[in-house]
């Protein structure tokens, strides 16, 4: 099985494209319609870029369902967490609108989006962190594990606190 090489930085590209396209249309004076068009362009751009890399690395083949049960055993447990995250992410604005009105949603939504900027720092850590810690722990290098944990927490809190100012 070929390893995909193009999709490593998709989340980073998504954030960059999001801010670039939305800001371009907003600064051009297009308002909410422009922001929506920017989001559409961002999504289509990422779809084309990821599609290119996927087609280049894997190509198009007829699916084989021989190992479907084994593959699904890894994927099915992730469905509830993704579904609950979707419910929370989409329902909070409705609850705010019901209790506080649409003006409060207008204040909340950009603040929520800016608060998610911190994810740009968390995502690389969340991919590299478990593999590195597991390797050092398996090699009985507990001092390195403690050092990595301390430094990661220290720098993450530093970035988080500076980001929240």
Protein backbone atom coordinates (compact mmCIF):
# COMPACT_ATOMS: atom_id res chain seq x y z
CA UNK A 1 0.00 0.00 0.00
CA UNK A 2 1.39 3.38 -0.99
CA UNK A 3 1.85 6.06 1.61
CA UNK A 4 0.10 9.38 0.93
CA UNK A 5 2.66 12.17 0.83
CA UNK A 6 0.60 15.23 -0.02
CA UNK A 7 -1.89 15.37 2.84
CA UNK A 8 0.43 16.05 5.77
CA UNK A 9 -0.33 19.72 6.20
CA UNK A 10 -3.99 19.80 5.22
CA UNK A 11 -5.20 21.40 8.45
CA UNK A 12 -2.54 24.10 8.23
CA UNK A 13 -3.44 24.79 4.60
CA UNK A 14 -7.12 24.89 5.55
CA UNK A 15 -6.51 27.56 8.17
CA UNK A 16 -4.29 29.63 5.86
CA UNK A 17 -6.73 29.39 2.93
CA UNK A 18 -9.63 30.22 5.25
CA UNK A 19 -8.08 33.44 6.48
CA UNK A 20 -6.67 34.48 3.11
CA UNK A 21 -9.83 34.00 1.04
CA UNK A 22 -12.28 35.29 3.63
CA UNK A 23 -10.13 38.34 4.43
CA UNK A 24 -9.64 39.13 0.74
CA UNK A 25 -13.38 39.29 0.16
CA UNK A 26 -14.10 41.12 3.41
CA UNK A 27 -11.42 43.73 2.83
CA UNK A 28 -12.75 44.19 -0.71
CA UNK A 29 -16.07 45.25 0.86
CA UNK A 30 -18.13 42.23 -0.16
CA UNK A 31 -19.50 41.65 3.36
CA UNK A 32 -21.09 38.38 4.44
CA UNK A 33 -21.67 37.25 0.85
CA UNK A 34 -17.97 37.73 0.14
CA UNK A 35 -17.02 35.79 3.26
CA UNK A 36 -19.28 32.95 2.13
CA UNK A 37 -17.73 33.00 -1.34
CA UNK A 38 -14.28 32.94 0.32
CA UNK A 39 -15.25 29.87 2.32
CA UNK A 40 -16.52 28.19 -0.84
CA UNK A 41 -13.29 28.96 -2.70
CA UNK A 42 -11.26 27.68 0.26
CA UNK A 43 -13.17 24.39 0.32
CA UNK A 44 -12.95 23.89 -3.44
CA UNK A 45 -9.23 24.73 -3.47
CA UNK A 46 -8.49 22.18 -0.76
CA UNK A 47 -10.66 19.58 -2.52
CA UNK A 48 -8.70 20.04 -5.74
CA UNK A 49 -5.30 20.01 -4.02
CA UNK A 50 -6.08 16.92 -1.92
CA UNK A 51 -7.68 15.21 -4.90
CA UNK A 52 -4.55 15.80 -6.95
CA UNK A 53 -2.27 14.29 -4.29
CA UNK A 54 -4.60 11.35 -3.68
CA UNK A 55 -4.86 10.59 -7.39
CA UNK A 56 -1.10 10.99 -7.86
CA UNK A 57 -0.21 8.71 -4.96
CA UNK A 58 -2.97 6.11 -5.11
CA UNK A 59 -4.78 6.45 -8.41
CA UNK A 60 -8.24 5.10 -9.02
CA UNK A 61 -8.83 1.40 -8.43
CA UNK A 62 -11.78 -0.88 -7.98
CA UNK A 63 -12.47 -1.34 -4.26
CA UNK A 64 -11.85 -4.70 -2.64
CA UNK A 65 -13.99 -5.49 0.38
CA UNK A 66 -11.98 -8.45 1.67
CA UNK A 67 -10.76 -6.73 4.85
CA UNK A 68 -13.82 -4.55 5.40
CA UNK A 69 -14.70 -6.02 8.81
CA UNK A 70 -11.17 -5.47 10.12
CA UNK A 71 -11.04 -1.92 8.76
CA UNK A 72 -14.49 -1.02 10.12
CA UNK A 73 -13.51 -2.27 13.59
CA UNK A 74 -11.08 0.66 13.75
CA UNK A 75 -13.42 3.26 12.27
CA UNK A 76 -16.75 2.56 13.98
CA UNK A 77 -15.60 3.53 17.51
CA UNK A 78 -14.73 7.03 16.24
CA UNK A 79 -18.28 7.73 15.01
CA UNK A 80 -19.82 8.74 18.39
CA UNK A 81 -17.09 11.28 19.20
CA UNK A 82 -17.28 12.85 15.74
CA UNK A 83 -21.08 12.95 15.88
CA UNK A 84 -21.11 14.52 19.35
CA UNK A 85 -18.49 17.09 18.29
CA UNK A 86 -20.67 18.00 15.30
CA UNK A 87 -23.72 18.40 17.57
CA UNK A 88 -21.86 20.63 20.03
CA UNK A 89 -20.25 22.73 17.28
CA UNK A 90 -23.55 23.35 15.52
CA UNK A 91 -25.93 23.61 18.46
CA UNK A 92 -24.13 26.22 20.55
CA UNK A 93 -25.07 29.01 18.15
CA UNK A 94 -28.72 27.95 18.19
CA UNK A 95 -28.82 27.94 21.98
CA UNK A 96 -27.21 31.38 22.12
CA UNK A 97 -29.68 32.67 19.52
CA UNK A 98 -32.64 31.32 21.51
CA UNK A 99 -31.56 32.82 24.83
CA UNK A 100 -29.65 35.95 23.79
CA UNK A 101 -30.67 36.71 20.20
CA UNK A 102 -28.88 36.87 16.88
CA UNK A 103 -26.72 39.82 17.90
CA UNK A 104 -25.06 37.67 20.55
CA UNK A 105 -24.42 34.99 17.91
CA UNK A 106 -22.80 37.68 15.78
CA UNK A 107 -20.43 38.46 18.65
CA UNK A 108 -19.87 34.82 19.58
CA UNK A 109 -19.05 33.36 16.18
CA UNK A 110 -15.93 35.46 15.37
CA UNK A 111 -14.69 35.03 18.92
CA UNK A 112 -15.14 31.29 18.66
CA UNK A 113 -13.26 31.25 15.34
CA UNK A 114 -10.40 33.30 16.77
CA UNK A 115 -10.28 31.00 19.78
CA UNK A 116 -9.79 28.07 17.43
CA UNK A 117 -6.55 29.61 16.16
CA UNK A 118 -4.91 27.84 19.08
CA UNK A 119 -5.66 24.57 17.24
CA UNK A 120 -2.89 25.46 14.80
CA UNK A 121 -0.47 24.86 17.66
CA UNK A 122 -2.25 21.83 19.13
CA UNK A 123 -2.64 19.75 15.97
CA UNK A 124 1.09 19.18 15.25
CA UNK A 125 1.64 18.30 18.88
CA UNK A 126 -1.27 15.86 18.94
CA UNK A 127 0.16 13.90 15.99
CA UNK A 128 3.82 13.78 17.01
CA UNK A 129 3.40 13.66 20.78
CA UNK A 130 1.94 10.14 21.29
CA UNK A 131 4.41 8.45 18.93
CA UNK A 132 7.44 10.12 20.48
CA UNK A 133 6.34 9.47 24.06
CA UNK A 134 5.51 5.84 23.30
CA UNK A 135 8.92 5.28 21.73
CA UNK A 136 10.80 6.75 24.69
CA UNK A 137 8.60 4.94 27.21
CA UNK A 138 9.12 1.59 25.46
CA UNK A 139 12.87 2.21 25.53
CA UNK A 140 12.63 2.88 29.32
CA UNK A 141 13.83 6.49 28.86
CA UNK A 142 11.54 7.92 31.54
CA UNK A 143 13.63 11.07 32.08
CA UNK A 144 13.15 12.04 28.42
CA UNK A 145 9.41 11.34 28.73
CA UNK A 146 9.14 13.65 31.74
CA UNK A 147 11.24 16.33 30.00
CA UNK A 148 9.07 16.22 26.88
CA UNK A 149 5.88 16.39 28.96
CA UNK A 150 7.15 19.33 31.02
CA UNK A 151 8.46 21.30 28.05
CA UNK A 152 5.41 20.66 25.89
CA UNK A 153 3.06 21.81 28.64
CA UNK A 154 5.22 24.83 29.42
CA UNK A 155 5.45 26.03 25.80
CA UNK A 156 1.82 25.28 25.03
CA UNK A 157 0.66 27.27 28.07
CA UNK A 158 3.01 30.11 27.10
CA UNK A 159 1.56 30.25 23.59
CA UNK A 160 -2.01 29.89 24.89
CA UNK A 161 -1.65 32.69 27.43
CA UNK A 162 0.03 35.02 24.94
CA UNK A 163 -2.62 34.17 22.33
CA UNK A 164 -5.45 35.01 24.72
CA UNK A 165 -4.20 38.54 25.42
